[in-house]
Each structure stands twice: as structure tokens, then as C-alpha cells.
Amino acid sequence: MVLHCHRYVEGRTILNDTTFEVPGGKSVAVVGTSGSGKSTILRLLYRLYDCQSGFIKIDGQDIQKVSLDSLRNSIAVVPQDTVLFNDSIFYNIHYGRLTATKEEVYDAARMAAIHNVILSFPKGYDTQVGERGLKLSGGEKQRVALARAFLKGSPIMVCDEATSALDSGTEAEILSTFRSLTQNRTAIFIAHRLTTAMQCDEIIVLENGRIVEQGAHDALLAEGGRYAQLWNQQSMESEDVSSSS
């Protein structure tokens, strides 16, 4: 996948001739502070809106020249805010691929570390969720979204802050699964938590719509630039939380 894009809204530049490539089968994290343009990349890739100049290509094909159905079938998205249907939790996962078998749904739930949680619910997989059903926590909703994306099985997986509501133990468990699942897939992580980013083959640091650094976790730390600053800041915040608890 290749992205070369300029995007602005109401006179404000969101992405400023941002250019990067994600090799097939590799994982890339896009990091930066709020408002840096991270989530805009996801919206452009899914064609919620288009580049005002430039292009995005997948396997050499401009995504504006393929049908939306074809494009979106090739991408599994794990959003930051998960929408649940007013239906069973089984259906909410099964929606990722309605032709999937029960066992495939259960396997996807196991990979998302929510299978045992579901079994503890009053009616297991038949438990109703959504506005009129059992209220799930933020972390449980994210795991349902992850299971749905795993089940979809698309060649490209995009995660928008997909582990932000998870505790560190569950995050580590899911990221371990991600590494095995995405070995032959292209994965893009829009990440605030750098513990997510450090697992990726490549990290892109955005600031004010521009790429300011790019490289692997260890190399970026050694450079002592913007990524290292963000890493040190999050490490200190994590230590403060640990010491106060």
C-alpha cells in the first residue's frame, strides 16, 4: 500500500503531502499527539472522504478507481468507538462474516480474549447487548470489535486506538495474537499507546499533518527525537499511575 496525500478542512491542513508505503504483510504504526492527523489516514483509506490531491494505492491500484464494496471488503477496521447492535453478542461478532460457522465465531472470540468473558454472561453467546441489553465495558466492546475483524479475515487490518480501553495484560495477550494473525496480512495501527506501536515493523510519527520521524522502535529511541520524547512521557505517566495505586 502506498499513500501520498494532501488533505485540508476549512482552510486547515490535516495531512500535508504525507507520503509513506506499507509493504504487503508488514505492520505499521502511525503515532502522534491528538490532532496530528492519525485518524484521518484511516478515514481516507476507507474512503469516508478522499485525498484532495495525491493518491492511495493498494497492490498498485488507485482506491478511487475500485468500487467501495470491493475496497471495504479488503479492509477489516477496528474502530476506537465500537458500535454494538441490539442483538446477541454472537450476532455482533458473526456480523464480521455472516457465512462463518459457530466454531469460527468462537475461535475469533478466543483470539480477541473475550470467549471466556462471554461464557460468564447469563446466556453466554445468546446474551443480548446494545442499548437494550447487557452493558459491556469499553474494553469488552473493543474485544468484540477485534473478534469481528479477526472473523472478517481481510488481507488488510486497520486498528484505530483499538487497545486504548484494555488493561496492559489483556493488551499484551491480544497483541501477541495480532503478531501471529498479521504475519501474512498488512496491518496499520493508529496508536496513542506506544506499547502497541513498538510491536510493529515500522513506526511513523506524525505532527501537524507531517511525518517527522519514521523507523523501527529501537532505532527511533536511539535517535532521541520526537518518538523518544513521547515514549519517555508515557513511561513516566505509567510509573506515576503504578506508584499511586
Protein backbone atom coordinates (compact mmCIF):
# COMPACT_ATOMS: atom_id res chain seq x y z
CA MET A 1 0.00 0.00 0.00
CA VAL A 2 1.28 3.47 -0.92
CA LEU A 3 -0.18 6.74 0.40
CA HIS A 4 0.71 10.18 -0.94
CA CYS A 5 -1.92 12.64 0.15
CA HIS A 6 -2.80 16.24 0.96
CA ARG A 7 -6.00 16.93 2.87
CA TYR A 8 -7.32 20.11 4.42
CA VAL A 9 -10.60 21.07 6.11
CA GLU A 10 -11.95 24.63 6.27
CA GLY A 11 -8.56 26.06 5.38
CA ARG A 12 -6.70 23.96 7.96
CA THR A 13 -4.19 21.40 6.71
CA ILE A 14 -4.81 17.92 8.16
CA LEU A 15 -2.28 15.98 6.07
CA ASN A 16 0.48 17.95 4.37
CA ASP A 17 1.73 15.94 1.37
CA THR A 18 2.11 12.94 3.65
CA THR A 19 3.82 10.03 1.89
CA PHE A 20 4.57 6.52 3.12
CA GLU A 21 4.49 2.90 1.98
CA VAL A 22 3.27 -0.18 3.83
CA PRO A 23 4.80 -3.34 2.30
CA GLY A 24 2.39 -6.26 1.94
CA GLY A 25 2.39 -8.50 5.00
CA LYS A 26 4.06 -5.87 7.22
CA SER A 27 2.74 -3.91 10.19
CA VAL A 28 2.99 -0.13 10.53
CA ALA A 29 2.01 2.08 13.46
CA VAL A 30 1.05 5.72 12.99
CA VAL A 31 1.59 7.69 16.19
CA GLY A 32 1.38 11.29 17.32
CA THR A 33 -0.48 13.60 19.63
CA SER A 34 -4.20 14.39 19.27
CA GLY A 35 -4.89 16.39 16.10
CA SER A 36 -1.72 15.24 14.35
CA GLY A 37 -3.69 13.59 11.51
CA LYS A 38 -3.54 9.94 12.61
CA SER A 39 -7.23 9.05 12.29
CA THR A 40 -7.53 10.98 9.02
CA ILE A 41 -5.41 8.25 7.39
CA LEU A 42 -7.99 5.61 8.36
CA ARG A 43 -10.87 7.70 7.00
CA LEU A 44 -9.02 8.25 3.72
CA LEU A 45 -8.14 4.57 3.39
CA TYR A 46 -11.76 3.53 3.96
CA ARG A 47 -12.87 6.35 1.62
CA LEU A 48 -15.07 8.13 4.13
CA TYR A 49 -13.56 11.02 2.21
CA ASP A 50 -10.84 11.35 -0.43
CA CYS A 51 -7.45 13.00 -0.83
CA GLN A 52 -7.78 16.50 -2.26
CA SER A 53 -4.53 15.89 -4.09
CA GLY A 54 -2.44 12.76 -4.30
CA PHE A 55 -3.48 9.10 -4.15
CA ILE A 56 -3.69 5.91 -2.13
CA LYS A 57 -2.81 2.68 -3.93
CA ILE A 58 -3.29 -0.92 -2.83
CA ASP A 59 -1.41 -3.50 -4.90
CA GLY A 60 -0.68 -0.72 -7.38
CA GLN A 61 -4.36 0.17 -7.86
CA ASP A 62 -5.75 3.61 -7.01
CA ILE A 63 -8.51 3.06 -4.43
CA GLN A 64 -10.65 5.76 -6.07
CA LYS A 65 -10.89 3.54 -9.15
CA VAL A 66 -12.37 0.50 -7.41
CA SER A 67 -15.87 0.04 -6.03
CA LEU A 68 -16.48 0.90 -2.38
CA ASP A 69 -17.72 -2.65 -1.73
CA SER A 70 -14.54 -4.17 -3.14
CA LEU A 71 -12.34 -1.76 -1.19
CA ARG A 72 -14.13 -2.21 2.12
CA ASN A 73 -14.28 -5.99 1.80
CA SER A 74 -10.48 -5.99 1.62
CA ILE A 75 -10.11 -3.99 4.86
CA ALA A 76 -11.10 -5.02 8.38
CA VAL A 77 -11.42 -1.97 10.63
CA VAL A 78 -11.31 -1.99 14.41
CA PRO A 79 -12.66 1.45 15.38
CA GLN A 80 -11.92 3.38 18.52
CA ASP A 81 -15.63 3.61 19.37
CA THR A 82 -17.32 0.27 18.79
CA VAL A 83 -20.98 0.22 17.77
CA LEU A 84 -22.96 -2.75 19.07
CA PHE A 85 -26.20 -3.92 17.51
CA ASN A 86 -29.23 -4.51 19.73
CA ASP A 87 -28.84 -8.25 19.29
CA SER A 88 -26.95 -11.20 20.75
CA ILE A 89 -23.23 -10.95 21.32
CA PHE A 90 -22.92 -13.90 18.92
CA TYR A 91 -24.51 -11.84 16.13
CA ASN A 92 -22.31 -8.86 16.94
CA ILE A 93 -19.22 -10.97 16.23
CA HIS A 94 -20.79 -13.03 13.43
CA TYR A 95 -21.56 -9.78 11.57
CA GLY A 96 -17.88 -9.66 10.58
CA ARG A 97 -18.54 -12.58 8.19
CA LEU A 98 -22.10 -13.88 8.13
CA THR A 99 -21.09 -17.10 6.34
CA ALA A 100 -18.81 -18.10 9.24
CA THR A 101 -19.56 -21.19 11.32
CA LYS A 102 -20.19 -21.15 15.07
CA GLU A 103 -16.73 -22.56 15.71
CA GLU A 104 -15.14 -19.81 13.63
CA VAL A 105 -17.01 -17.22 15.71
CA TYR A 106 -15.80 -18.89 18.91
CA ASP A 107 -12.22 -19.00 17.58
CA ALA A 108 -12.35 -15.28 16.74
CA ALA A 109 -13.61 -14.54 20.26
CA ARG A 110 -10.76 -16.59 21.74
CA MET A 111 -8.23 -14.65 19.68
CA ALA A 112 -9.73 -11.39 20.97
CA ALA A 113 -9.54 -12.67 24.57
CA ILE A 114 -13.29 -12.40 25.14
CA HIS A 115 -14.53 -16.01 24.76
CA ASN A 116 -14.32 -16.81 28.49
CA VAL A 117 -15.90 -13.46 29.37
CA ILE A 118 -18.87 -14.26 27.11
CA LEU A 119 -19.28 -17.69 28.69
CA SER A 120 -19.64 -15.96 32.07
CA PHE A 121 -22.64 -13.92 30.83
CA PRO A 122 -26.17 -15.06 31.84
CA LYS A 123 -26.96 -16.57 28.42
CA GLY A 124 -23.45 -16.93 27.04
CA TYR A 125 -23.28 -16.10 23.34
CA ASP A 126 -27.06 -15.59 23.27
CA THR A 127 -26.81 -12.70 25.75
CA GLN A 128 -28.39 -9.54 24.34
CA VAL A 129 -26.14 -6.49 24.18
CA GLY A 130 -26.51 -2.95 22.90
CA GLU A 131 -28.71 -0.19 24.27
CA ARG A 132 -31.46 -2.59 25.34
CA GLY A 133 -29.22 -5.37 26.57
CA LEU A 134 -26.26 -6.09 28.81
CA LYS A 135 -23.97 -3.07 29.02
CA LEU A 136 -20.40 -4.01 28.12
CA SER A 137 -17.37 -2.14 29.39
CA GLY A 138 -15.21 -0.15 26.97
CA GLY A 139 -12.59 -2.91 26.95
CA GLU A 140 -15.20 -5.61 26.28
CA LYS A 141 -16.63 -3.61 23.38
CA GLN A 142 -13.15 -3.27 21.88
CA ARG A 143 -12.62 -7.01 22.16
CA VAL A 144 -15.93 -7.65 20.37
CA ALA A 145 -14.73 -5.33 17.57
CA LEU A 146 -11.42 -7.18 17.42
CA ALA A 147 -13.19 -10.54 17.22
CA ARG A 148 -15.41 -9.19 14.43
CA ALA A 149 -12.33 -8.02 12.50
CA PHE A 150 -10.47 -11.31 13.05
CA LEU A 151 -13.52 -13.19 11.74
CA LYS A 152 -13.76 -10.99 8.63
CA GLY A 153 -10.30 -12.20 7.62
CA SER A 154 -9.49 -9.34 5.23
CA PRO A 155 -5.95 -9.01 3.81
CA ILE A 156 -5.64 -5.54 5.39
CA MET A 157 -6.40 -4.81 9.03
CA VAL A 158 -6.62 -1.24 10.36
CA CYS A 159 -6.90 -0.58 14.09
CA ASP A 160 -7.81 2.88 15.35
CA GLU A 161 -6.74 3.09 19.01
CA ALA A 162 -8.06 -0.48 19.22
CA THR A 163 -6.50 -1.30 22.59
CA SER A 164 -6.99 2.05 24.32
CA ALA A 165 -9.60 0.74 26.78
CA LEU A 166 -7.78 -2.51 27.60
CA ASP A 167 -5.67 -3.20 30.65
CA SER A 168 -1.99 -3.88 29.97
CA GLY A 169 -2.31 -7.65 30.48
CA THR A 170 -5.19 -8.04 28.00
CA GLU A 171 -3.45 -5.70 25.56
CA ALA A 172 -0.30 -7.86 25.66
CA GLU A 173 -2.37 -11.02 25.12
CA ILE A 174 -4.18 -9.57 22.10
CA LEU A 175 -1.02 -8.07 20.59
CA SER A 176 0.62 -11.49 20.79
CA THR A 177 -2.33 -12.88 18.81
CA PHE A 178 -2.07 -9.98 16.37
CA ARG A 179 1.55 -10.78 15.60
CA SER A 180 0.67 -14.32 14.56
CA LEU A 181 -2.51 -13.28 12.70
CA THR A 182 -0.92 -10.49 10.68
CA GLN A 183 2.15 -12.41 9.51
CA ASN A 184 0.65 -12.66 6.02
CA ARG A 185 -1.53 -9.56 6.23
CA THR A 186 -0.94 -5.84 6.05
CA ALA A 187 -1.69 -4.18 9.39
CA ILE A 188 -1.94 -0.48 10.21
CA PHE A 189 -2.25 0.66 13.80
CA ILE A 190 -3.41 4.18 14.62
CA ALA A 191 -1.96 4.26 18.11
CA HIS A 192 -1.73 6.51 21.11
CA ARG A 193 -0.24 3.83 23.35
CA LEU A 194 3.33 3.30 22.19
CA THR A 195 3.32 -0.20 23.70
CA THR A 196 1.14 -1.04 20.71
CA ALA A 197 3.44 0.76 18.25
CA MET A 198 6.61 -0.94 19.47
CA GLN A 199 5.31 -4.31 18.21
CA CYS A 200 5.20 -3.08 14.60
CA ASP A 201 7.79 -3.42 11.83
CA GLU A 202 7.72 0.33 11.18
CA ILE A 203 6.58 3.38 13.14
CA ILE A 204 5.52 6.67 11.53
CA VAL A 205 5.45 9.75 13.75
CA LEU A 206 3.01 12.46 12.64
CA GLU A 207 2.98 16.05 13.82
CA ASN A 208 0.70 18.73 12.37
CA GLY A 209 -0.06 16.53 9.38
CA ARG A 210 3.60 15.87 8.51
CA ILE A 211 5.80 12.83 9.00
CA VAL A 212 8.59 13.96 11.33
CA GLU A 213 10.17 10.54 12.01
CA GLN A 214 9.97 7.04 10.62
CA GLY A 215 11.67 3.80 11.62
CA ALA A 216 11.65 0.83 14.00
CA HIS A 217 11.07 1.27 17.74
CA ASP A 218 14.68 0.75 18.89
CA ALA A 219 16.13 2.94 16.14
CA LEU A 220 13.73 5.80 16.93
CA LEU A 221 14.52 5.61 20.64
CA ALA A 222 18.24 5.74 19.83
CA GLU A 223 17.71 8.90 17.74
CA GLY A 224 16.33 10.70 20.79
CA GLY A 225 13.80 12.67 18.74
CA ARG A 226 10.05 13.17 18.93
CA TYR A 227 9.22 9.47 19.32
CA ALA A 228 11.68 9.13 22.19
CA GLN A 229 10.05 12.14 23.87
CA LEU A 230 6.60 10.58 23.56
CA TRP A 231 7.92 7.23 24.83
CA ASN A 232 9.58 8.78 27.87
CA GLN A 233 6.46 10.82 28.63
CA GLN A 234 4.22 7.74 28.55
CA SER A 235 6.71 5.73 30.61
CA MET A 236 6.70 8.42 33.30
CA GLU A 237 2.89 8.58 33.29
CA SER A 238 2.73 4.80 33.65
CA GLU A 239 5.14 4.88 36.59
CA ASP A 240 3.07 7.62 38.26
CA VAL A 241 -0.09 5.51 37.94
CA SER A 242 1.69 2.43 39.31
CA SER A 243 3.12 4.28 42.31
CA SER A 244 -0.24 5.86 43.20
CA SER A 245 -2.18 2.59 43.02
